C-alpha atoms as a PDB file:
ATOM      1  CA  MET A   1    -215.594 -46.608-120.983  1.00  0.00           C
ATOM      2  CA  ALA A   2    -217.666 -48.584-122.754  1.00  0.00           C
ATOM      3  CA  HIS A   3    -221.871 -48.175-123.006  1.00  0.00           C
ATOM      4  CA  ALA A   4    -224.241 -50.226-124.674  1.00  0.00           C
ATOM      5  CA  PRO A   5    -226.490 -48.156-126.557  1.00  0.00           C
ATOM      6  CA  PHE A   6    -230.587 -49.426-127.161  1.00  0.00           C
ATOM      7  CA  ASN A   7    -230.580 -52.647-125.168  1.00  0.00           C
ATOM      8  CA  ALA A   8    -231.016 -55.011-121.886  1.00  0.00           C
ATOM      9  CA  GLU A   9    -229.770 -57.452-120.238  1.00  0.00           C
ATOM     10  CA  SER A  10    -232.111 -61.162-120.567  1.00  0.00           C
ATOM     11  CA  VAL A  11    -233.055 -62.562-117.993  1.00  0.00           C
ATOM     12  CA  SER A  12    -234.446 -65.297-117.083  1.00  0.00           C
ATOM     13  CA  SER A  13    -238.676 -66.486-117.287  1.00  0.00           C
ATOM     14  CA  GLU A  14    -238.269 -67.205-112.992  1.00  0.00           C
ATOM     15  CA  GLN A  15    -237.449 -64.023-110.857  1.00  0.00           C
ATOM     16  CA  PRO A  16    -234.706 -63.776-108.620  1.00  0.00           C
ATOM     17  CA  SER A  17    -235.431 -63.687-104.872  1.00  0.00           C
ATOM     18  CA  GLY A  18    -234.732 -59.806-104.392  1.00  0.00           C
ATOM     19  CA  SER A  19    -234.578 -58.755-107.510  1.00  0.00           C
ATOM     20  CA  VAL A  20    -236.087 -55.960-109.221  1.00  0.00           C
ATOM     21  CA  ARG A  21    -237.232 -56.106-112.875  1.00  0.00           C
ATOM     22  CA  VAL A  22    -238.485 -52.585-114.661  1.00  0.00           C
ATOM     23  CA  CYS A  23    -239.601 -52.981-118.354  1.00  0.00           C
ATOM     24  CA  VAL A  24    -240.743 -49.847-120.110  1.00  0.00           C
ATOM     25  CA  LEU A  25    -243.800 -51.338-122.534  1.00  0.00           C
ATOM     26  CA  ALA A  26    -243.987 -47.989-124.577  1.00  0.00           C
ATOM     27  CA  SER A  27    -242.842 -44.033-124.178  1.00  0.00           C
ATOM     28  CA  GLY A  28    -243.285 -41.236-126.723  1.00  0.00           C
ATOM     29  CA  SER A  29    -246.525 -38.963-127.066  1.00  0.00           C
ATOM     30  CA  LYS A  30    -248.704 -42.013-128.517  1.00  0.00           C
ATOM     31  CA  GLY A  31    -248.898 -43.474-124.632  1.00  0.00           C
ATOM     32  CA  ASN A  32    -246.494 -43.684-122.055  1.00  0.00           C
ATOM     33  CA  ALA A  33    -247.022 -47.583-119.250  1.00  0.00           C
ATOM     34  CA  THR A  34    -243.554 -49.243-117.238  1.00  0.00           C
ATOM     35  CA  TYR A  35    -243.961 -51.820-115.932  1.00  0.00           C
ATOM     36  CA  ILE A  36    -242.078 -52.876-112.072  1.00  0.00           C
ATOM     37  CA  SER A  37    -241.983 -56.121-110.405  1.00  0.00           C
ATOM     38  CA  ASN A  38    -240.242 -57.465-107.152  1.00  0.00           C
ATOM     39  CA  GLY A  39    -241.345 -61.055-107.742  1.00  0.00           C
ATOM     40  CA  SER A  40    -244.632 -61.111-105.752  1.00  0.00           C
ATOM     41  CA  ALA A  41    -245.641 -57.648-106.246  1.00  0.00           C
ATOM     42  CA  ALA A  42    -246.621 -55.963-109.678  1.00  0.00           C
ATOM     43  CA  VAL A  43    -247.365 -52.932-111.197  1.00  0.00           C
ATOM     44  CA  LEU A  44    -247.587 -50.123-113.966  1.00  0.00           C
ATOM     45  CA  VAL A  45    -246.723 -47.276-113.724  1.00  0.00           C
ATOM     46  CA  ASP A  46    -248.952 -45.122-116.599  1.00  0.00           C
ATOM     47  CA  ALA A  47    -251.045 -47.315-119.159  1.00  0.00           C
ATOM     48  CA  GLY A  48    -251.135 -44.858-121.819  1.00  0.00           C
ATOM     49  CA  LEU A  49    -252.184 -46.923-124.419  1.00  0.00           C
ATOM     50  CA  SER A  50    -255.717 -49.551-124.984  1.00  0.00           C
ATOM     51  CA  GLY A  51    -256.093 -51.863-122.233  1.00  0.00           C
ATOM     52  CA  VAL A  52    -255.839 -54.982-125.172  1.00  0.00           C
ATOM     53  CA  GLU A  53    -252.215 -53.224-126.132  1.00  0.00           C
ATOM     54  CA  ILE A  54    -250.768 -53.069-122.972  1.00  0.00           C
ATOM     55  CA  GLU A  55    -251.498 -56.876-122.372  1.00  0.00           C
ATOM     56  CA  ARG A  56    -249.848 -57.120-125.835  1.00  0.00           C
ATOM     57  CA  ARG A  57    -246.941 -55.762-125.084  1.00  0.00           C
ATOM     58  CA  LEU A  58    -246.927 -57.212-121.508  1.00  0.00           C
ATOM     59  CA  ALA A  59    -247.322 -60.897-123.276  1.00  0.00           C
ATOM     60  CA  SER A  60    -244.553 -60.013-125.351  1.00  0.00           C
ATOM     61  CA  ARG A  61    -241.949 -60.066-122.895  1.00  0.00           C
ATOM     62  CA  GLY A  62    -243.562 -62.669-121.048  1.00  0.00           C
ATOM     63  CA  LEU A  63    -245.532 -60.678-118.655  1.00  0.00           C
ATOM     64  CA  ASN A  64    -248.966 -61.441-117.658  1.00  0.00           C
ATOM     65  CA  PRO A  65    -251.275 -58.856-116.552  1.00  0.00           C
ATOM     66  CA  ASP A  66    -252.973 -61.481-113.929  1.00  0.00           C
ATOM     67  CA  THR A  67    -249.717 -60.342-111.313  1.00  0.00           C
ATOM     68  CA  LEU A  68    -251.007 -56.846-111.635  1.00  0.00           C
ATOM     69  CA  ASP A  69    -251.051 -55.312-108.254  1.00  0.00           C
ATOM     70  CA  ALA A  70    -251.613 -51.703-109.145  1.00  0.00           C
ATOM     71  CA  ILE A  71    -251.977 -49.041-111.787  1.00  0.00           C
ATOM     72  CA  LEU A  72    -250.182 -45.573-110.802  1.00  0.00           C
ATOM     73  CA  VAL A  73    -251.145 -42.830-112.785  1.00  0.00           C
ATOM     74  CA  THR A  74    -248.056 -39.863-113.195  1.00  0.00           C
ATOM     75  CA  HIS A  75    -250.670 -37.213-114.476  1.00  0.00           C
ATOM     76  CA  GLU A  76    -254.383 -36.614-116.744  1.00  0.00           C
ATOM     77  CA  HIS A  77    -252.929 -36.328-119.659  1.00  0.00           C
ATOM     78  CA  SER A  78    -254.327 -38.975-122.163  1.00  0.00           C
ATOM     79  CA  ASP A  79    -250.995 -40.530-122.939  1.00  0.00           C
ATOM     80  CA  HIS A  80    -250.415 -41.843-119.730  1.00  0.00           C
ATOM     81  CA  ILE A  81    -253.966 -42.925-119.087  1.00  0.00           C
ATOM     82  CA  LYS A  82    -255.891 -43.672-121.730  1.00  0.00           C
ATOM     83  CA  GLY A  83    -256.122 -47.780-120.324  1.00  0.00           C
ATOM     84  CA  VAL A  84    -256.083 -47.744-116.680  1.00  0.00           C
ATOM     85  CA  GLY A  85    -259.783 -47.624-116.652  1.00  0.00           C
ATOM     86  CA  VAL A  86    -260.164 -50.784-119.102  1.00  0.00           C
ATOM     87  CA  LEU A  87    -257.189 -52.140-117.130  1.00  0.00           C
ATOM     88  CA  SER A  88    -258.607 -51.722-113.689  1.00  0.00           C
ATOM     89  CA  ARG A  89    -261.894 -52.381-114.215  1.00  0.00           C
ATOM     90  CA  ARG A  90    -260.682 -56.409-115.647  1.00  0.00           C
ATOM     91  CA  PHE A  91    -258.091 -57.493-113.978  1.00  0.00           C
ATOM     92  CA  LYS A  92    -259.239 -55.042-110.430  1.00  0.00           C
ATOM     93  CA  LEU A  93    -256.721 -53.274-109.800  1.00  0.00           C
ATOM     94  CA  PRO A  94    -256.768 -50.229-107.429  1.00  0.00           C
ATOM     95  CA  VAL A  95    -255.698 -46.604-109.267  1.00  0.00           C
ATOM     96  CA  TYR A  96    -252.923 -44.817-107.676  1.00  0.00           C
ATOM     97  CA  LEU A  97    -253.575 -40.729-107.643  1.00  0.00           C
ATOM     98  CA  ASN A  98    -254.027 -38.075-106.744  1.00  0.00           C
ATOM     99  CA  ARG A  99    -256.702 -35.694-106.006  1.00  0.00           C
ATOM    100  CA  LYS A 100    -256.160 -32.759-108.585  1.00  0.00           C
ATOM    101  CA  THR A 101    -255.540 -35.823-111.660  1.00  0.00           C
ATOM    102  CA  GLU A 102    -258.094 -37.765-110.837  1.00  0.00           C
ATOM    103  CA  ALA A 103    -260.517 -35.090-111.103  1.00  0.00           C
ATOM    104  CA  ALA A 104    -258.590 -33.258-113.905  1.00  0.00           C
ATOM    105  CA  ALA A 105    -259.268 -37.061-115.287  1.00  0.00           C
ATOM    106  CA  SER A 106    -261.918 -38.452-114.744  1.00  0.00           C
ATOM    107  CA  THR A 107    -264.051 -38.207-118.120  1.00  0.00           C
ATOM    108  CA  GLN A 108    -261.291 -40.734-119.749  1.00  0.00           C
ATOM    109  CA  LEU A 109    -260.685 -42.953-116.659  1.00  0.00           C
ATOM    110  CA  GLY A 110    -264.669 -43.636-115.878  1.00  0.00           C
ATOM    111  CA  ARG A 111    -264.791 -46.096-113.037  1.00  0.00           C
ATOM    112  CA  LEU A 112    -262.434 -47.760-111.719  1.00  0.00           C
ATOM    113  CA  HIS A 113    -262.654 -50.734-109.465  1.00  0.00           C
ATOM    114  CA  ASP A 114    -261.043 -48.812-106.580  1.00  0.00           C
ATOM    115  CA  ARG A 115    -258.526 -45.601-105.579  1.00  0.00           C
ATOM    116  CA  ARG A 116    -256.508 -44.700-103.715  1.00  0.00           C
ATOM    117  CA  TYR A 117    -254.673 -41.435-103.494  1.00  0.00           C
ATOM    118  CA  PHE A 118    -251.393 -39.847-102.757  1.00  0.00           C
ATOM    119  CA  GLU A 119    -249.773 -36.824-103.058  1.00  0.00           C
ATOM    120  CA  CYS A 120    -246.987 -35.359-103.620  1.00  0.00           C
ATOM    121  CA  GLY A 121    -244.144 -35.441-101.588  1.00  0.00           C
ATOM    122  CA  THR A 122    -245.586 -38.374 -98.762  1.00  0.00           C
ATOM    123  CA  ALA A 123    -244.191 -41.542 -98.824  1.00  0.00           C
ATOM    124  CA  PHE A 124    -246.463 -45.124 -99.775  1.00  0.00           C
ATOM    125  CA  ARG A 125    -246.480 -48.047 -99.297  1.00  0.00           C
ATOM    126  CA  LEU A 126    -247.185 -51.648-101.571  1.00  0.00           C
ATOM    127  CA  ASN A 127    -246.357 -54.482-101.042  1.00  0.00           C
ATOM    128  CA  ARG A 128    -242.041 -54.598-100.113  1.00  0.00           C
ATOM    129  CA  PHE A 129    -242.893 -50.990-102.719  1.00  0.00           C
ATOM    130  CA  THR A 130    -242.090 -47.778-101.372  1.00  0.00           C
ATOM    131  CA  PHE A 131    -243.600 -45.417-103.718  1.00  0.00           C
ATOM    132  CA  HIS A 132    -241.962 -41.522-103.100  1.00  0.00           C
ATOM    133  CA  PRO A 133    -243.940 -39.627-105.606  1.00  0.00           C
ATOM    134  CA  PHE A 134    -242.367 -36.551-105.945  1.00  0.00           C
ATOM    135  CA  SER A 135    -243.583 -32.659-107.368  1.00  0.00           C
ATOM    136  CA  ILE A 136    -242.604 -32.137-111.290  1.00  0.00           C
ATOM    137  CA  SER A 137    -242.521 -28.963-113.874  1.00  0.00           C
ATOM    138  CA  HIS A 138    -245.286 -30.239-116.401  1.00  0.00           C
ATOM    139  CA  ASP A 139    -248.295 -28.585-117.478  1.00  0.00           C
ATOM    140  CA  ALA A 140    -250.937 -30.368-116.026  1.00  0.00           C
ATOM    141  CA  GLU A 141    -252.859 -30.030-112.862  1.00  0.00           C
ATOM    142  CA  ASP A 142    -250.756 -31.438-110.012  1.00  0.00           C
ATOM    143  CA  PRO A 143    -248.522 -34.220-111.613  1.00  0.00           C
ATOM    144  CA  ALA A 144    -246.132 -36.695-110.768  1.00  0.00           C
ATOM    145  CA  GLY A 145    -242.280 -38.218-110.982  1.00  0.00           C
ATOM    146  CA  PHE A 146    -241.815 -40.890-108.958  1.00  0.00           C
ATOM    147  CA  THR A 147    -238.949 -42.788-107.019  1.00  0.00           C
ATOM    148  CA  VAL A 148    -239.288 -47.076-106.335  1.00  0.00           C
ATOM    149  CA  ASP A 149    -237.353 -48.461-103.307  1.00  0.00           C
ATOM    150  CA  CYS A 150    -237.498 -52.294-102.776  1.00  0.00           C
ATOM    151  CA  SER A 151    -234.783 -54.493-101.754  1.00  0.00           C
ATOM    152  CA  GLY A 152    -231.892 -52.493-101.907  1.00  0.00           C
ATOM    153  CA  LYS A 153    -232.404 -50.901-104.946  1.00  0.00           C
ATOM    154  CA  LYS A 154    -234.188 -47.685-105.890  1.00  0.00           C
ATOM    155  CA  ILE A 155    -235.748 -46.785-109.577  1.00  0.00           C
ATOM    156  CA  GLY A 156    -236.045 -43.182-110.280  1.00  0.00           C
ATOM    157  CA  ILE A 157    -238.798 -41.996-112.937  1.00  0.00           C
ATOM    158  CA  ALA A 158    -238.957 -38.859-114.198  1.00  0.00           C
ATOM    159  CA  THR A 159    -240.727 -37.587-117.673  1.00  0.00           C
ATOM    160  CA  ASP A 160    -243.080 -35.336-118.938  1.00  0.00           C
ATOM    161  CA  LEU A 161    -241.061 -32.258-117.397  1.00  0.00           C
ATOM    162  CA  GLY A 162    -240.020 -28.877-118.794  1.00  0.00           C
ATOM    163  CA  ILE A 163    -237.511 -28.283-115.526  1.00  0.00           C
ATOM    164  CA  ALA A 164    -235.286 -29.962-113.374  1.00  0.00           C
ATOM    165  CA  SER A 165    -236.168 -28.234-109.938  1.00  0.00           C
ATOM    166  CA  HIS A 166    -233.885 -29.043-107.082  1.00  0.00           C
ATOM    167  CA  VAL A 167    -237.088 -31.272-106.114  1.00  0.00           C
ATOM    168  CA  VAL A 168    -236.638 -33.349-108.526  1.00  0.00           C
ATOM    169  CA  LYS A 169    -232.727 -33.970-108.366  1.00  0.00           C
ATOM    170  CA  ALA A 170    -232.607 -34.477-104.828  1.00  0.00           C
ATOM    171  CA  HIS A 171    -235.308 -37.434-105.327  1.00  0.00           C
ATOM    172  CA  LEU A 172    -232.590 -38.709-108.549  1.00  0.00           C
ATOM    173  CA  SER A 173    -230.004 -39.791-106.452  1.00  0.00           C
ATOM    174  CA  ALA A 174    -229.108 -42.296-105.030  1.00  0.00           C
ATOM    175  CA  CYS A 175    -231.124 -44.694-108.107  1.00  0.00           C
ATOM    176  CA  SER A 176    -230.310 -47.937-109.506  1.00  0.00           C
ATOM    177  CA  LEU A 177    -231.790 -46.816-112.101  1.00  0.00           C
ATOM    178  CA  LEU A 178    -233.247 -43.685-113.806  1.00  0.00           C
ATOM    179  CA  ILE A 179    -236.163 -43.417-116.179  1.00  0.00           C
ATOM    180  CA  LEU A 180    -234.878 -39.688-117.380  1.00  0.00           C
ATOM    181  CA  GLU A 181    -237.043 -38.014-120.556  1.00  0.00           C
ATOM    182  CA  ALA A 182    -234.537 -36.961-123.579  1.00  0.00           C
ATOM    183  CA  ASN A 183    -237.831 -35.407-125.337  1.00  0.00           C
ATOM    184  CA  HIS A 184    -236.274 -33.732-128.214  1.00  0.00           C
ATOM    185  CA  ASP A 185    -233.722 -31.677-129.698  1.00  0.00           C
ATOM    186  CA  PRO A 186    -233.751 -28.580-129.654  1.00  0.00           C
ATOM    187  CA  GLU A 187    -232.662 -27.784-133.519  1.00  0.00           C
ATOM    188  CA  MET A 188    -234.765 -30.117-134.627  1.00  0.00           C
ATOM    189  CA  LEU A 189    -237.340 -28.241-132.097  1.00  0.00           C
ATOM    190  CA  GLU A 190    -237.119 -25.343-133.715  1.00  0.00           C
ATOM    191  CA  TYR A 191    -236.534 -26.108-137.200  1.00  0.00           C
ATOM    192  CA  GLY A 192    -239.454 -28.919-137.898  1.00  0.00           C
ATOM    193  CA  PRO A 193    -242.487 -28.943-138.246  1.00  0.00           C
ATOM    194  CA  TYR A 194    -244.651 -27.766-135.342  1.00  0.00           C
ATOM    195  CA  PRO A 195    -246.656 -24.527-134.880  1.00  0.00           C
ATOM    196  CA  TRP A 196    -245.032 -21.911-133.454  1.00  0.00           C
ATOM    197  CA  PRO A 197    -247.155 -22.156-130.132  1.00  0.00           C
ATOM    198  CA  LEU A 198    -246.539 -25.643-129.464  1.00  0.00           C
ATOM    199  CA  LYS A 199    -243.168 -25.776-130.351  1.00  0.00           C
ATOM    200  CA  GLN A 200    -243.115 -22.707-127.257  1.00  0.00           C
ATOM    201  CA  ARG A 201    -244.579 -25.192-125.646  1.00  0.00           C
ATOM    202  CA  VAL A 202    -242.408 -27.959-125.812  1.00  0.00           C
ATOM    203  CA  SER A 203    -239.606 -26.267-124.467  1.00  0.00           C
ATOM    204  CA  GLY A 204    -240.994 -24.354-122.174  1.00  0.00           C
ATOM    205  CA  ARG A 205    -240.688 -25.095-118.510  1.00  0.00           C
ATOM    206  CA  THR A 206    -243.968 -26.827-118.241  1.00  0.00           C
ATOM    207  CA  GLY A 207    -243.317 -28.873-121.136  1.00  0.00           C
ATOM    208  CA  HIS A 208    -240.060 -31.581-122.099  1.00  0.00           C
ATOM    209  CA  LEU A 209    -236.206 -31.634-121.609  1.00  0.00           C
ATOM    210  CA  SER A 210    -234.609 -31.276-123.784  1.00  0.00           C
ATOM    211  CA  ASN A 211    -231.588 -34.003-125.133  1.00  0.00           C
ATOM    212  CA  GLU A 212    -229.307 -30.919-123.493  1.00  0.00           C
ATOM    213  CA  ALA A 213    -231.380 -30.442-120.431  1.00  0.00           C
ATOM    214  CA  SER A 214    -231.297 -34.596-120.276  1.00  0.00           C
ATOM    215  CA  ARG A 215    -228.085 -34.759-120.390  1.00  0.00           C
ATOM    216  CA  ASP A 216    -227.910 -32.339-117.584  1.00  0.00           C
ATOM    217  CA  LEU A 217    -229.090 -33.637-115.158  1.00  0.00           C
ATOM    218  CA  LEU A 218    -227.689 -37.059-115.222  1.00  0.00           C
ATOM    219  CA  GLU A 219    -224.736 -35.688-114.224  1.00  0.00           C
ATOM    220  CA  SER A 220    -225.601 -33.601-111.166  1.00  0.00           C
ATOM    221  CA  VAL A 221    -227.434 -37.023-109.792  1.00  0.00           C
ATOM    222  CA  GLN A 222    -224.649 -39.774-111.798  1.00  0.00           C
ATOM    223  CA  HIS A 223    -222.761 -41.552-108.801  1.00  0.00           C
ATOM    224  CA  LYS A 224    -220.875 -45.071-109.572  1.00  0.00           C
ATOM    225  CA  ALA A 225    -223.482 -47.779-108.024  1.00  0.00           C
ATOM    226  CA  LEU A 226    -225.952 -46.250-111.490  1.00  0.00           C
ATOM    227  CA  SER A 227    -227.045 -48.929-112.974  1.00  0.00           C
ATOM    228  CA  HIS A 228    -228.818 -48.736-115.799  1.00  0.00           C
ATOM    229  CA  VAL A 229    -229.854 -45.204-117.125  1.00  0.00           C
ATOM    230  CA  ILE A 230    -233.321 -45.874-120.319  1.00  0.00           C
ATOM    231  CA  LEU A 231    -233.532 -42.670-122.204  1.00  0.00           C
ATOM    232  CA  ALA A 232    -238.049 -42.183-122.465  1.00  0.00           C
ATOM    233  CA  HIS A 233    -240.637 -40.020-124.308  1.00  0.00           C
ATOM    234  CA  LEU A 234    -238.584 -39.190-126.957  1.00  0.00           C
ATOM    235  CA  SER A 235    -240.108 -37.247-129.755  1.00  0.00           C
ATOM    236  CA  GLU A 236    -240.997 -39.153-132.898  1.00  0.00           C
ATOM    237  CA  VAL A 237    -240.421 -35.612-134.702  1.00  0.00           C
ATOM    238  CA  ASN A 238    -237.893 -33.139-133.085  1.00  0.00           C
ATOM    239  CA  ASN A 239    -235.264 -36.256-131.820  1.00  0.00           C
ATOM    240  CA  THR A 240    -233.969 -39.580-133.042  1.00  0.00           C
ATOM    241  CA  PRO A 241    -232.646 -42.251-130.476  1.00  0.00           C
ATOM    242  CA  ASN A 242    -228.769 -41.552-131.917  1.00  0.00           C
ATOM    243  CA  HIS A 243    -228.710 -37.494-130.953  1.00  0.00           C
ATOM    244  CA  ALA A 244    -230.698 -38.764-127.742  1.00  0.00           C
ATOM    245  CA  PHE A 245    -228.226 -41.308-126.440  1.00  0.00           C
ATOM    246  CA  SER A 246    -225.263 -39.267-127.958  1.00  0.00           C
ATOM    247  CA  THR A 247    -226.241 -35.958-126.609  1.00  0.00           C
ATOM    248  CA  VAL A 248    -226.725 -37.601-123.308  1.00  0.00           C
ATOM    249  CA  ILE A 249    -224.156 -40.300-123.042  1.00  0.00           C
ATOM    250  CA  ARG A 250    -222.004 -36.780-122.470  1.00  0.00           C
ATOM    251  CA  GLY A 251    -223.318 -36.168-119.375  1.00  0.00           C
ATOM    252  CA  ILE A 252    -221.651 -39.764-118.004  1.00  0.00           C
ATOM    253  CA  THR A 253    -218.360 -38.602-116.690  1.00  0.00           C
ATOM    254  CA  ARG A 254    -218.149 -40.416-112.705  1.00  0.00           C
ATOM    255  CA  SER A 255    -220.496 -44.361-114.079  1.00  0.00           C
ATOM    256  CA  ASN A 256    -220.611 -46.212-116.032  1.00  0.00           C
ATOM    257  CA  PRO A 257    -224.379 -47.493-116.938  1.00  0.00           C
ATOM    258  CA  LYS A 258    -226.158 -49.084-119.601  1.00  0.00           C
ATOM    259  CA  ILE A 259    -227.903 -46.602-121.893  1.00  0.00           C
ATOM    260  CA  HIS A 260    -230.885 -48.474-123.192  1.00  0.00           C
ATOM    261  CA  VAL A 261    -233.585 -45.931-125.158  1.00  0.00           C
ATOM    262  CA  ALA A 262    -236.952 -46.491-124.841  1.00  0.00           C
ATOM    263  CA  CYS A 263    -239.154 -46.682-128.106  1.00  0.00           C
ATOM    264  CA  GLN A 264    -243.575 -45.517-129.262  1.00  0.00           C
ATOM    265  CA  ASP A 265    -243.774 -49.028-130.804  1.00  0.00           C
ATOM    266  CA  GLU A 266    -242.459 -52.030-128.686  1.00  0.00           C
ATOM    267  CA  SER A 267    -241.541 -53.017-125.306  1.00  0.00           C
ATOM    268  CA  GLY A 268    -238.338 -52.530-124.102  1.00  0.00           C
ATOM    269  CA  GLU A 269    -236.071 -55.149-123.001  1.00  0.00           C
ATOM    270  CA  ILE A 270    -236.215 -56.520-119.401  1.00  0.00           C
ATOM    271  CA  VAL A 271    -234.037 -54.816-117.185  1.00  0.00           C
ATOM    272  CA  GLU A 272    -232.414 -56.827-114.139  1.00  0.00           C
ATOM    273  CA  LEU A 273    -231.505 -55.258-110.873  1.00  0.00           C
ATOM    274  CA  ILE A 274    -230.258 -57.972-108.105  1.00  0.00           C
END
């Protein structure tokens, strides 16, 4: 099978009706943000860079922050919420989060233009999007992954999880596009410069998925209609794009998706699902 690493197909500036666009603006321990649009609404899932940098990343892909309708927050760690408060205030955006995350993040978020609460396990709608938040295993108060349904497409977002539980696998089944954590190479982590307690945290059940764990998760949820997989939240110290790509691709046996690797320092290409 032929797979296309590290890139996405080019898209026109005008979004076709019924299409869904996804762009990972940043991914890694220094900041995370993902843009999703269905042509009539657009959201950010996390905003872990400064507001100015999020705007710059959007502009680099021809995306206008004025078209945003909301920000969704997965959990309270600073690499996921750094720009949430300022963007909410600047563009008058509602922020969707759960109550435990809000309590843990209140000092970092500051005043929000509007807040709307969700609970893991209960779906909610925004314009033509349906979001399904689900619980994940991570060292935060009430961390969430998401699936997003729109126009007959399903997107799965699962980063910052130490294990792939049955709940995670059930939610990530039947996706057209997956944003999937491939955080570290176990050998690089073991022999790398992190102090031992941090190594234990990263590799533990509430830490981050290794390349091998990401491969196994992908193998369990793949299907013929899976068209794109974006490997995300790679460690800049304990992984490389080639390590992640070459490991995870071995789990693809029943589908032929394009494989992309998100990076920390620049926006990924826009992936379009038609």
